[in-house]
Every structure is written in C-alpha cells, then in structure tokens.
C-alpha cells in the first residue's frame, strides 16, 4: 500500500505530543525515546498519520525562522468543525481564519500551533463539481489527468 506521512518539527517533542492531542484530537500511536527523552512520535487522526520530531539541520519549526511556513497540513474532520475549532482555541491555538463555508464544499478553519505550523481543518458539506469550482474562481480551469 502506498501512502505518505508528513513529518512536522517541534523544539519540544513531549510538549507537542501533549498539545496536539489536547488541541486537535491526535492520538499517539508510537513514541520513540532516547536516553528516556521523547525524540519522535507518530500520531493519528482518523485514517491519517503524521510524525513529529525535533528540528534537523535544515528543517526547523516556523517559530524559529520568523514564523515562515512553506506548507500547511489539511485535516478532514468527520463532523462539527466548529466544535473542533473551539477545542483548539481553548487549548491555545491561534485561530487565523474562523470556520467558514468555502466554495469547494467544505467548512474550514485555519489555526497556528504553538510552534507556528499552519493547520487547516475541514468538514465536507457537499460535493462540488469541477464546473462549480471553475465558476466560483473566474479564470481557473480544472483538469484531471488520466
């Protein structure tokens, strides 16, 4: 089975494991320790997985590079994205976009975690055709290579 699993860097892995569980509902599925210290972990959310770990030589959390992000992580939630947002806010996430219905058929919100990583959480409200998306974004064309 082919799959991919993002790795997200944090300065403090144990704190990140705890925070991602409290704020976003991720569940630790594997924790790696060296000399008793957590150095990496795998976490799951539904069918998705991600790995968290410390910074590498050229891979650092956004907070350590003036908040720059080069990617976002989009997570699909099964229901009540608004309640998910409130849970994240209560745990200290900085909500940078409140939950809103989007042209692509999802209700989404965006949040920054304590290290500055951008997370997008979305709940599918309805299926949207390519033609509907093109109409919502004038000048956009969508193709689906075979």
C-alpha atoms as a PDB file:
ATOM      1  CA  UNK A   1       0.000   0.000   0.000  1.00  0.00           C
ATOM      2  CA  UNK A   2       1.394   3.394  -0.970  1.00  0.00           C
ATOM      3  CA  UNK A   3       0.963   6.240   1.488  1.00  0.00           C
ATOM      4  CA  UNK A   4       2.678   9.377   2.649  1.00  0.00           C
ATOM      5  CA  UNK A   5       3.146  10.740   6.118  1.00  0.00           C
ATOM      6  CA  UNK A   6       4.224  14.299   6.827  1.00  0.00           C
ATOM      7  CA  UNK A   7       6.885  14.987   9.448  1.00  0.00           C
ATOM      8  CA  UNK A   8       6.409  18.139  11.494  1.00  0.00           C
ATOM      9  CA  UNK A   9       9.295  19.617  13.501  1.00  0.00           C
ATOM     10  CA  UNK A  10       8.951  20.876  17.069  1.00  0.00           C
ATOM     11  CA  UNK A  11      11.507  22.191  19.547  1.00  0.00           C
ATOM     12  CA  UNK A  12       9.856  20.229  22.379  1.00  0.00           C
ATOM     13  CA  UNK A  13       8.506  16.850  21.232  1.00  0.00           C
ATOM     14  CA  UNK A  14       6.851  15.812  24.527  1.00  0.00           C
ATOM     15  CA  UNK A  15       5.005  19.134  24.725  1.00  0.00           C
ATOM     16  CA  UNK A  16       3.970  18.826  21.061  1.00  0.00           C
ATOM     17  CA  UNK A  17       2.551  15.321  21.581  1.00  0.00           C
ATOM     18  CA  UNK A  18       0.510  16.558  24.540  1.00  0.00           C
ATOM     19  CA  UNK A  19      -0.655  19.739  22.800  1.00  0.00           C
ATOM     20  CA  UNK A  20      -1.640  18.054  19.507  1.00  0.00           C
ATOM     21  CA  UNK A  21      -3.699  15.542  21.479  1.00  0.00           C
ATOM     22  CA  UNK A  22      -5.452  18.183  23.594  1.00  0.00           C
ATOM     23  CA  UNK A  23      -5.973  20.796  20.893  1.00  0.00           C
ATOM     24  CA  UNK A  24      -6.653  18.801  17.753  1.00  0.00           C
ATOM     25  CA  UNK A  25      -7.526  15.311  18.970  1.00  0.00           C
ATOM     26  CA  UNK A  26      -4.498  13.480  17.552  1.00  0.00           C
ATOM     27  CA  UNK A  27      -3.656  10.170  19.226  1.00  0.00           C
ATOM     28  CA  UNK A  28      -0.088   8.964  19.806  1.00  0.00           C
ATOM     29  CA  UNK A  29       0.457   5.593  18.102  1.00  0.00           C
ATOM     30  CA  UNK A  30       4.237   5.349  18.666  1.00  0.00           C
ATOM     31  CA  UNK A  31       6.648   7.267  20.871  1.00  0.00           C
ATOM     32  CA  UNK A  32      10.433   6.988  20.408  1.00  0.00           C
ATOM     33  CA  UNK A  33      12.735   7.802  23.304  1.00  0.00           C
ATOM     34  CA  UNK A  34      16.491   8.199  23.527  1.00  0.00           C
ATOM     35  CA  UNK A  35      18.007   8.171  26.996  1.00  0.00           C
ATOM     36  CA  UNK A  36      14.469   8.455  28.379  1.00  0.00           C
ATOM     37  CA  UNK A  37      13.636  11.590  26.379  1.00  0.00           C
ATOM     38  CA  UNK A  38      10.912  11.672  23.715  1.00  0.00           C
ATOM     39  CA  UNK A  39      12.659  12.404  20.392  1.00  0.00           C
ATOM     40  CA  UNK A  40       9.910  11.493  17.913  1.00  0.00           C
ATOM     41  CA  UNK A  41       6.343  10.274  17.799  1.00  0.00           C
ATOM     42  CA  UNK A  42       3.785   9.043  15.333  1.00  0.00           C
ATOM     43  CA  UNK A  43       0.266  10.364  15.818  1.00  0.00           C
ATOM     44  CA  UNK A  44      -3.004   9.503  14.112  1.00  0.00           C
ATOM     45  CA  UNK A  45      -6.249  11.268  13.315  1.00  0.00           C
ATOM     46  CA  UNK A  46      -8.826   9.030  11.668  1.00  0.00           C
ATOM     47  CA  UNK A  47      -7.003   7.226   8.852  1.00  0.00           C
ATOM     48  CA  UNK A  48      -4.243   9.850   8.681  1.00  0.00           C
ATOM     49  CA  UNK A  49      -0.850   9.777  10.334  1.00  0.00           C
ATOM     50  CA  UNK A  50       1.942  12.209  10.940  1.00  0.00           C
ATOM     51  CA  UNK A  51       5.333  12.039  12.554  1.00  0.00           C
ATOM     52  CA  UNK A  52       6.627  14.728  14.862  1.00  0.00           C
ATOM     53  CA  UNK A  53      10.209  15.203  15.837  1.00  0.00           C
ATOM     54  CA  UNK A  54      12.864  17.706  16.669  1.00  0.00           C
ATOM     55  CA  UNK A  55      14.485  20.121  14.264  1.00  0.00           C
ATOM     56  CA  UNK A  56      17.103  18.835  11.863  1.00  0.00           C
ATOM     57  CA  UNK A  57      19.968  20.855  10.440  1.00  0.00           C
ATOM     58  CA  UNK A  58      17.888  22.483   7.691  1.00  0.00           C
ATOM     59  CA  UNK A  59      14.359  21.629   8.875  1.00  0.00           C
ATOM     60  CA  UNK A  60      13.057  23.837  11.648  1.00  0.00           C
ATOM     61  CA  UNK A  61       9.722  24.844  13.169  1.00  0.00           C
ATOM     62  CA  UNK A  62       8.265  28.097  11.782  1.00  0.00           C
ATOM     63  CA  UNK A  63       8.699  29.835  15.153  1.00  0.00           C
ATOM     64  CA  UNK A  64      12.478  29.510  14.790  1.00  0.00           C
ATOM     65  CA  UNK A  65      12.527  31.080  11.292  1.00  0.00           C
ATOM     66  CA  UNK A  66      10.465  34.238  11.884  1.00  0.00           C
ATOM     67  CA  UNK A  67       7.165  32.353  11.510  1.00  0.00           C
ATOM     68  CA  UNK A  68       7.688  31.404   7.858  1.00  0.00           C
ATOM     69  CA  UNK A  69       5.564  28.485   6.651  1.00  0.00           C
ATOM     70  CA  UNK A  70       6.236  26.594   3.446  1.00  0.00           C
ATOM     71  CA  UNK A  71       3.321  24.201   3.776  1.00  0.00           C
ATOM     72  CA  UNK A  72       0.014  23.684   5.524  1.00  0.00           C
ATOM     73  CA  UNK A  73      -1.468  20.473   6.820  1.00  0.00           C
ATOM     74  CA  UNK A  74      -5.100  19.905   5.821  1.00  0.00           C
ATOM     75  CA  UNK A  75      -7.029  17.535   8.075  1.00  0.00           C
ATOM     76  CA  UNK A  76     -10.556  16.339   7.308  1.00  0.00           C
ATOM     77  CA  UNK A  77     -12.877  16.018  10.289  1.00  0.00           C
ATOM     78  CA  UNK A  78     -16.000  13.857  10.187  1.00  0.00           C
ATOM     79  CA  UNK A  79     -18.350  16.336  11.828  1.00  0.00           C
ATOM     80  CA  UNK A  80     -18.725  19.651  13.656  1.00  0.00           C
ATOM     81  CA  UNK A  81     -15.640  21.545  12.548  1.00  0.00           C
ATOM     82  CA  UNK A  82     -16.896  24.494  14.638  1.00  0.00           C
ATOM     83  CA  UNK A  83     -16.647  22.449  17.852  1.00  0.00           C
ATOM     84  CA  UNK A  84     -13.195  21.269  16.738  1.00  0.00           C
ATOM     85  CA  UNK A  85     -12.157  24.909  16.326  1.00  0.00           C
ATOM     86  CA  UNK A  86     -13.383  25.776  19.821  1.00  0.00           C
ATOM     87  CA  UNK A  87     -11.429  22.844  21.275  1.00  0.00           C
ATOM     88  CA  UNK A  88      -8.283  24.065  19.516  1.00  0.00           C
ATOM     89  CA  UNK A  89      -8.869  27.666  20.657  1.00  0.00           C
ATOM     90  CA  UNK A  90      -9.360  26.523  24.272  1.00  0.00           C
ATOM     91  CA  UNK A  91      -6.019  24.683  24.105  1.00  0.00           C
ATOM     92  CA  UNK A  92      -4.238  27.824  22.911  1.00  0.00           C
ATOM     93  CA  UNK A  93      -4.297  27.543  19.115  1.00  0.00           C
ATOM     94  CA  UNK A  94      -4.191  30.900  17.358  1.00  0.00           C
ATOM     95  CA  UNK A  95      -7.206  30.863  15.049  1.00  0.00           C
ATOM     96  CA  UNK A  96      -6.222  32.778  11.917  1.00  0.00           C
ATOM     97  CA  UNK A  97      -9.418  32.030   9.985  1.00  0.00           C
ATOM     98  CA  UNK A  98     -12.683  31.378  11.763  1.00  0.00           C
ATOM     99  CA  UNK A  99     -14.835  28.493  10.461  1.00  0.00           C
ATOM    100  CA  UNK A 100     -16.394  29.450   7.136  1.00  0.00           C
ATOM    101  CA  UNK A 101     -18.172  27.707   4.267  1.00  0.00           C
ATOM    102  CA  UNK A 102     -15.874  27.537   1.258  1.00  0.00           C
ATOM    103  CA  UNK A 103     -16.547  27.409  -2.491  1.00  0.00           C
ATOM    104  CA  UNK A 104     -15.108  23.884  -2.693  1.00  0.00           C
ATOM    105  CA  UNK A 105     -17.820  22.408  -0.473  1.00  0.00           C
ATOM    106  CA  UNK A 106     -16.024  22.358   2.862  1.00  0.00           C
ATOM    107  CA  UNK A 107     -16.399  24.346   6.038  1.00  0.00           C
ATOM    108  CA  UNK A 108     -12.858  25.095   7.179  1.00  0.00           C
ATOM    109  CA  UNK A 109     -10.837  26.986   9.748  1.00  0.00           C
ATOM    110  CA  UNK A 110      -7.112  27.702   9.955  1.00  0.00           C
ATOM    111  CA  UNK A 111      -5.030  27.619  13.121  1.00  0.00           C
ATOM    112  CA  UNK A 112      -1.416  28.097  14.155  1.00  0.00           C
ATOM    113  CA  UNK A 113       0.010  25.747  16.757  1.00  0.00           C
ATOM    114  CA  UNK A 114       2.465  26.999  19.424  1.00  0.00           C
ATOM    115  CA  UNK A 115       5.450  26.479  17.068  1.00  0.00           C
ATOM    116  CA  UNK A 116       3.758  28.349  14.198  1.00  0.00           C
ATOM    117  CA  UNK A 117       2.729  25.428  11.970  1.00  0.00           C
ATOM    118  CA  UNK A 118      -0.388  26.214   9.907  1.00  0.00           C
ATOM    119  CA  UNK A 119      -3.191  23.667  10.197  1.00  0.00           C
ATOM    120  CA  UNK A 120      -6.402  23.662   8.149  1.00  0.00           C
ATOM    121  CA  UNK A 121      -9.313  21.600   9.412  1.00  0.00           C
ATOM    122  CA  UNK A 122     -12.250  20.984   7.103  1.00  0.00           C
ATOM    123  CA  UNK A 123     -15.609  19.261   7.189  1.00  0.00           C
ATOM    124  CA  UNK A 124     -17.159  18.276   3.854  1.00  0.00           C
ATOM    125  CA  UNK A 125     -20.591  19.837   3.494  1.00  0.00           C
ATOM    126  CA  UNK A 126     -21.353  18.862  -0.098  1.00  0.00           C
ATOM    127  CA  UNK A 127     -19.764  17.510  -3.252  1.00  0.00           C
ATOM    128  CA  UNK A 128     -18.767  20.246  -5.711  1.00  0.00           C
ATOM    129  CA  UNK A 129     -18.272  19.611  -9.414  1.00  0.00           C
ATOM    130  CA  UNK A 130     -15.265  20.881 -11.343  1.00  0.00           C
ATOM    131  CA  UNK A 131     -17.624  23.188 -13.237  1.00  0.00           C
ATOM    132  CA  UNK A 132     -18.891  24.707  -9.973  1.00  0.00           C
ATOM    133  CA  UNK A 133     -15.318  25.331  -8.794  1.00  0.00           C
ATOM    134  CA  UNK A 134     -14.390  26.922 -12.115  1.00  0.00           C
ATOM    135  CA  UNK A 135     -17.467  29.161 -11.897  1.00  0.00           C
ATOM    136  CA  UNK A 136     -16.540  30.177  -8.322  1.00  0.00           C
ATOM    137  CA  UNK A 137     -12.991  31.139  -9.397  1.00  0.00           C
ATOM    138  CA  UNK A 138     -13.136  33.005 -12.719  1.00  0.00           C
ATOM    139  CA  UNK A 139     -10.137  32.226 -14.895  1.00  0.00           C
ATOM    140  CA  UNK A 140      -9.460  28.877 -13.210  1.00  0.00           C
ATOM    141  CA  UNK A 141      -9.623  25.676 -15.208  1.00  0.00           C
ATOM    142  CA  UNK A 142      -9.502  22.242 -13.659  1.00  0.00           C
ATOM    143  CA  UNK A 143      -8.206  19.170 -15.446  1.00  0.00           C
ATOM    144  CA  UNK A 144      -7.873  15.650 -14.187  1.00  0.00           C
ATOM    145  CA  UNK A 145      -5.054  13.769 -15.946  1.00  0.00           C
ATOM    146  CA  UNK A 146      -5.804  10.123 -16.623  1.00  0.00           C
END
